[in-house]
Amino acid sequence: MKDRVMTAAEARKLASEYRAQARQAGISQKRASLLTNISRTFSGLASQLEILEADVAAEQRKPR
């Protein structure tokens, strides 16, 4: 089985989903806070994956 890295787009989608859950009416403040923090974590991961993708692309463009 080959490992697969999550894409930045997938991480952003998850961030959006968790952010939406955090805004639902009727959930506790604690749960809203947890969901918001998870959303921020996925947003940060998406940013890091984009930076990594750009770095890999730049590395591949270098002459060998």
PDB file of N, CA and C in Angstrom:
ATOM      1  N   MET A   1       0.835  -1.182   0.000  1.00  0.00           N
ATOM      2  CA  MET A   1       0.000   0.000   0.000  1.00  0.00           C
ATOM      3  C   MET A   1       0.881   1.246   0.000  1.00  0.00           C
ATOM      4  N   LYS A   2       0.635   2.137  -0.929  1.00  0.00           N
ATOM      5  CA  LYS A   2       1.432   3.351  -1.051  1.00  0.00           C
ATOM      6  C   LYS A   2       0.849   4.456  -0.174  1.00  0.00           C
ATOM      7  N   ASP A   3       1.728   5.145   0.539  1.00  0.00           N
ATOM      8  CA  ASP A   3       1.289   6.277   1.356  1.00  0.00           C
ATOM      9  C   ASP A   3       0.900   7.430   0.441  1.00  0.00           C
ATOM     10  N   ARG A   4      -0.104   8.187   0.854  1.00  0.00           N
ATOM     11  CA  ARG A   4      -0.564   9.322   0.071  1.00  0.00           C
ATOM     12  C   ARG A   4      -0.571  10.545   0.972  1.00  0.00           C
ATOM     13  N   VAL A   5      -0.014  11.622   0.470  1.00  0.00           N
ATOM     14  CA  VAL A   5       0.025  12.870   1.221  1.00  0.00           C
ATOM     15  C   VAL A   5      -1.248  13.659   0.925  1.00  0.00           C
ATOM     16  N   MET A   6      -1.826  14.203   1.958  1.00  0.00           N
ATOM     17  CA  MET A   6      -3.003  15.055   1.791  1.00  0.00           C
ATOM     18  C   MET A   6      -2.612  16.280   0.970  1.00  0.00           C
ATOM     19  N   THR A   7      -3.483  16.717   0.096  1.00  0.00           N
ATOM     20  CA  THR A   7      -3.214  17.918  -0.685  1.00  0.00           C
ATOM     21  C   THR A   7      -3.634  19.157   0.100  1.00  0.00           C
ATOM     22  N   ALA A   8      -3.104  20.294  -0.326  1.00  0.00           N
ATOM     23  CA  ALA A   8      -3.483  21.556   0.304  1.00  0.00           C
ATOM     24  C   ALA A   8      -4.980  21.800   0.145  1.00  0.00           C
ATOM     25  N   ALA A   9      -5.518  21.455  -1.016  1.00  0.00           N
ATOM     26  CA  ALA A   9      -6.955  21.648  -1.253  1.00  0.00           C
ATOM     27  C   ALA A   9      -7.789  20.794  -0.299  1.00  0.00           C
ATOM     28  N   GLU A  10      -7.358  19.566  -0.064  1.00  0.00           N
ATOM     29  CA  GLU A  10      -8.079  18.692   0.870  1.00  0.00           C
ATOM     30  C   GLU A  10      -8.023  19.257   2.288  1.00  0.00           C
ATOM     31  N   ALA A  11      -6.861  19.756   2.680  1.00  0.00           N
ATOM     32  CA  ALA A  11      -6.715  20.333   4.018  1.00  0.00           C
ATOM     33  C   ALA A  11      -7.592  21.577   4.161  1.00  0.00           C
ATOM     34  N   ARG A  12      -7.658  22.404   3.123  1.00  0.00           N
ATOM     35  CA  ARG A  12      -8.504  23.604   3.175  1.00  0.00           C
ATOM     36  C   ARG A  12      -9.983  23.231   3.251  1.00  0.00           C
ATOM     37  N   LYS A  13     -10.367  22.166   2.545  1.00  0.00           N
ATOM     38  CA  LYS A  13     -11.756  21.705   2.591  1.00  0.00           C
ATOM     39  C   LYS A  13     -12.110  21.248   4.008  1.00  0.00           C
ATOM     40  N   LEU A  14     -11.216  20.484   4.625  1.00  0.00           N
ATOM     41  CA  LEU A  14     -11.459  20.043   5.998  1.00  0.00           C
ATOM     42  C   LEU A  14     -11.519  21.236   6.950  1.00  0.00           C
ATOM     43  N   ALA A  15     -10.636  22.207   6.749  1.00  0.00           N
ATOM     44  CA  ALA A  15     -10.658  23.407   7.591  1.00  0.00           C
ATOM     45  C   ALA A  15     -12.013  24.098   7.492  1.00  0.00           C
ATOM     46  N   SER A  16     -12.514  24.200   6.287  1.00  0.00           N
ATOM     47  CA  SER A  16     -13.816  24.831   6.069  1.00  0.00           C
ATOM     48  C   SER A  16     -14.942  24.047   6.742  1.00  0.00           C
ATOM     49  N   GLU A  17     -14.883  22.732   6.640  1.00  0.00           N
ATOM     50  CA  GLU A  17     -15.912  21.892   7.257  1.00  0.00           C
ATOM     51  C   GLU A  17     -15.899  22.017   8.779  1.00  0.00           C
ATOM     52  N   TYR A  18     -14.713  22.007   9.371  1.00  0.00           N
ATOM     53  CA  TYR A  18     -14.628  22.146  10.828  1.00  0.00           C
ATOM     54  C   TYR A  18     -15.056  23.545  11.269  1.00  0.00           C
ATOM     55  N   ARG A  19     -14.711  24.561  10.480  1.00  0.00           N
ATOM     56  CA  ARG A  19     -15.128  25.926  10.809  1.00  0.00           C
ATOM     57  C   ARG A  19     -16.656  26.033  10.784  1.00  0.00           C
ATOM     58  N   ALA A  20     -17.279  25.405   9.794  1.00  0.00           N
ATOM     59  CA  ALA A  20     -18.747  25.417   9.709  1.00  0.00           C
ATOM     60  C   ALA A  20     -19.368  24.700  10.903  1.00  0.00           C
ATOM     61  N   GLN A  21     -18.785  23.580  11.304  1.00  0.00           N
ATOM     62  CA  GLN A  21     -19.301  22.856  12.472  1.00  0.00           C
ATOM     63  C   GLN A  21     -19.193  23.713  13.728  1.00  0.00           C
ATOM     64  N   ALA A  22     -18.107  24.470  13.833  1.00  0.00           N
ATOM     65  CA  ALA A  22     -17.894  25.316  15.014  1.00  0.00           C
ATOM     66  C   ALA A  22     -18.945  26.413  15.114  1.00  0.00           C
ATOM     67  N   ARG A  23     -19.541  26.781  13.994  1.00  0.00           N
ATOM     68  CA  ARG A  23     -20.526  27.869  13.973  1.00  0.00           C
ATOM     69  C   ARG A  23     -21.960  27.383  14.136  1.00  0.00           C
ATOM     70  N   GLN A  24     -22.142  26.081  14.256  1.00  0.00           N
ATOM     71  CA  GLN A  24     -23.498  25.547  14.397  1.00  0.00           C
ATOM     72  C   GLN A  24     -24.117  25.998  15.719  1.00  0.00           C
ATOM     73  N   ALA A  25     -25.394  26.279  15.647  1.00  0.00           N
ATOM     74  CA  ALA A  25     -26.122  26.669  16.855  1.00  0.00           C
ATOM     75  C   ALA A  25     -26.281  25.463  17.772  1.00  0.00           C
ATOM     76  N   GLY A  26     -26.264  25.723  19.052  1.00  0.00           N
ATOM     77  CA  GLY A  26     -26.568  24.688  20.023  1.00  0.00           C
ATOM     78  C   GLY A  26     -25.399  23.850  20.498  1.00  0.00           C
ATOM     79  N   ILE A  27     -24.192  24.123  20.004  1.00  0.00           N
ATOM     80  CA  ILE A  27     -23.053  23.355  20.519  1.00  0.00           C
ATOM     81  C   ILE A  27     -22.394  24.150  21.643  1.00  0.00           C
ATOM     82  N   SER A  28     -21.709  23.438  22.499  1.00  0.00           N
ATOM     83  CA  SER A  28     -21.072  24.093  23.640  1.00  0.00           C
ATOM     84  C   SER A  28     -19.915  24.976  23.178  1.00  0.00           C
ATOM     85  N   GLN A  29     -19.582  25.939  24.006  1.00  0.00           N
ATOM     86  CA  GLN A  29     -18.452  26.819  23.724  1.00  0.00           C
ATOM     87  C   GLN A  29     -17.164  26.011  23.633  1.00  0.00           C
ATOM     88  N   LYS A  30     -17.033  25.003  24.494  1.00  0.00           N
ATOM     89  CA  LYS A  30     -15.836  24.159  24.475  1.00  0.00           C
ATOM     90  C   LYS A  30     -15.705  23.445  23.136  1.00  0.00           C
ATOM     91  N   ARG A  31     -16.813  22.842  22.662  1.00  0.00           N
ATOM     92  CA  ARG A  31     -16.759  22.124  21.383  1.00  0.00           C
ATOM     93  C   ARG A  31     -16.489  23.096  20.236  1.00  0.00           C
ATOM     94  N   ALA A  32     -17.113  24.262  20.273  1.00  0.00           N
ATOM     95  CA  ALA A  32     -16.879  25.265  19.229  1.00  0.00           C
ATOM     96  C   ALA A  32     -15.407  25.665  19.192  1.00  0.00           C
ATOM     97  N   SER A  33     -14.818  25.820  20.364  1.00  0.00           N
ATOM     98  CA  SER A  33     -13.406  26.175  20.451  1.00  0.00           C
ATOM     99  C   SER A  33     -12.522  25.064  19.894  1.00  0.00           C
ATOM    100  N   LEU A  34     -12.831  23.823  20.250  1.00  0.00           N
ATOM    101  CA  LEU A  34     -12.061  22.686  19.736  1.00  0.00           C
ATOM    102  C   LEU A  34     -12.153  22.604  18.215  1.00  0.00           C
ATOM    103  N   LEU A  35     -13.358  22.747  17.693  1.00  0.00           N
ATOM    104  CA  LEU A  35     -13.551  22.673  16.242  1.00  0.00           C
ATOM    105  C   LEU A  35     -12.840  23.821  15.526  1.00  0.00           C
ATOM    106  N   THR A  36     -12.868  25.000  16.127  1.00  0.00           N
ATOM    107  CA  THR A  36     -12.161  26.145  15.553  1.00  0.00           C
ATOM    108  C   THR A  36     -10.662  25.889  15.531  1.00  0.00           C
ATOM    109  N   ASN A  37     -10.133  25.336  16.612  1.00  0.00           N
ATOM    110  CA  ASN A  37      -8.701  25.030  16.660  1.00  0.00           C
ATOM    111  C   ASN A  37      -8.317  23.976  15.632  1.00  0.00           C
ATOM    112  N   ILE A  38      -9.152  22.972  15.450  1.00  0.00           N
ATOM    113  CA  ILE A  38      -8.887  21.952  14.428  1.00  0.00           C
ATOM    114  C   ILE A  38      -8.903  22.605  13.047  1.00  0.00           C
ATOM    115  N   SER A  39      -9.853  23.497  12.822  1.00  0.00           N
ATOM    116  CA  SER A  39      -9.925  24.219  11.552  1.00  0.00           C
ATOM    117  C   SER A  39      -8.635  24.999  11.297  1.00  0.00           C
ATOM    118  N   ARG A  40      -8.147  25.676  12.309  1.00  0.00           N
ATOM    119  CA  ARG A  40      -6.898  26.443  12.170  1.00  0.00           C
ATOM    120  C   ARG A  40      -5.715  25.526  11.888  1.00  0.00           C
ATOM    121  N   THR A  41      -5.716  24.367  12.513  1.00  0.00           N
ATOM    122  CA  THR A  41      -4.640  23.405  12.280  1.00  0.00           C
ATOM    123  C   THR A  41      -4.628  22.956  10.825  1.00  0.00           C
ATOM    124  N   PHE A  42      -5.807  22.638  10.284  1.00  0.00           N
ATOM    125  CA  PHE A  42      -5.877  22.223   8.880  1.00  0.00           C
ATOM    126  C   PHE A  42      -5.507  23.371   7.944  1.00  0.00           C
ATOM    127  N   SER A  43      -5.864  24.593   8.292  1.00  0.00           N
ATOM    128  CA  SER A  43      -5.471  25.749   7.480  1.00  0.00           C
ATOM    129  C   SER A  43      -3.952  25.906   7.465  1.00  0.00           C
ATOM    130  N   GLY A  44      -3.349  25.747   8.626  1.00  0.00           N
ATOM    131  CA  GLY A  44      -1.889  25.809   8.710  1.00  0.00           C
ATOM    132  C   GLY A  44      -1.228  24.703   7.912  1.00  0.00           C
ATOM    133  N   LEU A  45      -1.786  23.504   7.998  1.00  0.00           N
ATOM    134  CA  LEU A  45      -1.261  22.384   7.224  1.00  0.00           C
ATOM    135  C   LEU A  45      -1.350  22.690   5.734  1.00  0.00           C
ATOM    136  N   ALA A  46      -2.475  23.251   5.293  1.00  0.00           N
ATOM    137  CA  ALA A  46      -2.635  23.597   3.878  1.00  0.00           C
ATOM    138  C   ALA A  46      -1.549  24.574   3.437  1.00  0.00           C
ATOM    139  N   SER A  47      -1.279  25.564   4.255  1.00  0.00           N
ATOM    140  CA  SER A  47      -0.232  26.537   3.925  1.00  0.00           C
ATOM    141  C   SER A  47       1.129  25.869   3.816  1.00  0.00           C
ATOM    142  N   GLN A  48       1.436  25.000   4.757  1.00  0.00           N
ATOM    143  CA  GLN A  48       2.719  24.298   4.729  1.00  0.00           C
ATOM    144  C   GLN A  48       2.828  23.384   3.509  1.00  0.00           C
ATOM    145  N   LEU A  49       1.743  22.725   3.147  1.00  0.00           N
ATOM    146  CA  LEU A  49       1.753  21.860   1.965  1.00  0.00           C
ATOM    147  C   LEU A  49       1.965  22.670   0.692  1.00  0.00           C
ATOM    148  N   GLU A  50       1.389  23.867   0.619  1.00  0.00           N
ATOM    149  CA  GLU A  50       1.606  24.734  -0.540  1.00  0.00           C
ATOM    150  C   GLU A  50       3.064  25.169  -0.629  1.00  0.00           C
ATOM    151  N   ILE A  51       3.656  25.506   0.496  1.00  0.00           N
ATOM    152  CA  ILE A  51       5.068  25.891   0.524  1.00  0.00           C
ATOM    153  C   ILE A  51       5.931  24.712   0.093  1.00  0.00           C
ATOM    154  N   LEU A  52       5.625  23.531   0.605  1.00  0.00           N
ATOM    155  CA  LEU A  52       6.375  22.332   0.231  1.00  0.00           C
ATOM    156  C   LEU A  52       6.256  22.057  -1.261  1.00  0.00           C
ATOM    157  N   GLU A  53       5.046  22.173  -1.796  1.00  0.00           N
ATOM    158  CA  GLU A  53       4.827  21.936  -3.223  1.00  0.00           C
ATOM    159  C   GLU A  53       5.665  22.901  -4.066  1.00  0.00           C
ATOM    160  N   ALA A  54       5.694  24.171  -3.678  1.00  0.00           N
ATOM    161  CA  ALA A  54       6.485  25.166  -4.398  1.00  0.00           C
ATOM    162  C   ALA A  54       7.972  24.852  -4.298  1.00  0.00           C
ATOM    163  N   ASP A  55       8.422  24.410  -3.137  1.00  0.00           N
ATOM    164  CA  ASP A  55       9.829  24.070  -2.939  1.00  0.00           C
ATOM    165  C   ASP A  55      10.227  22.873  -3.798  1.00  0.00           C
ATOM    166  N   VAL A  56       9.388  21.855  -3.832  1.00  0.00           N
ATOM    167  CA  VAL A  56       9.664  20.667  -4.649  1.00  0.00           C
ATOM    168  C   VAL A  56       9.716  21.057  -6.124  1.00  0.00           C
ATOM    169  N   ALA A  57       8.771  21.893  -6.561  1.00  0.00           N
ATOM    170  CA  ALA A  57       8.747  22.327  -7.959  1.00  0.00           C
ATOM    171  C   ALA A  57      10.010  23.110  -8.306  1.00  0.00           C
ATOM    172  N   ALA A  58      10.441  23.988  -7.413  1.00  0.00           N
ATOM    173  CA  ALA A  58      11.658  24.769  -7.649  1.00  0.00           C
ATOM    174  C   ALA A  58      12.874  23.857  -7.717  1.00  0.00           C
ATOM    175  N   GLU A  59      12.913  22.878  -6.860  1.00  0.00           N
ATOM    176  CA  GLU A  59      14.031  21.926  -6.841  1.00  0.00           C
ATOM    177  C   GLU A  59      14.090  21.136  -8.147  1.00  0.00           C
ATOM    178  N   GLN A  60      12.939  20.770  -8.663  1.00  0.00           N
ATOM    179  CA  GLN A  60      12.891  19.981  -9.896  1.00  0.00           C
ATOM    180  C   GLN A  60      13.295  20.805 -11.113  1.00  0.00           C
ATOM    181  N   ARG A  61      13.156  22.124 -11.032  1.00  0.00           N
ATOM    182  CA  ARG A  61      13.536  22.990 -12.153  1.00  0.00           C
ATOM    183  C   ARG A  61      15.035  23.238 -12.212  1.00  0.00           C
ATOM    184  N   LYS A  62      15.735  22.971 -11.131  1.00  0.00           N
ATOM    185  CA  LYS A  62      17.179  23.201 -11.095  1.00  0.00           C
ATOM    186  C   LYS A  62      17.882  22.221 -12.021  1.00  0.00           C
ATOM    187  N   PRO A  63      18.881  22.717 -12.757  1.00  0.00           N
ATOM    188  CA  PRO A  63      19.658  21.790 -13.598  1.00  0.00           C
ATOM    189  C   PRO A  63      20.467  20.836 -12.732  1.00  0.00           C
ATOM    190  N   ARG A  64      20.620  19.656 -13.226  1.00  0.00           N
ATOM    191  CA  ARG A  64      21.367  18.645 -12.449  1.00  0.00           C
ATOM    192  C   ARG A  64      22.778  18.524 -12.913  1.00  0.00           C
TER     193      ARG A  64
END
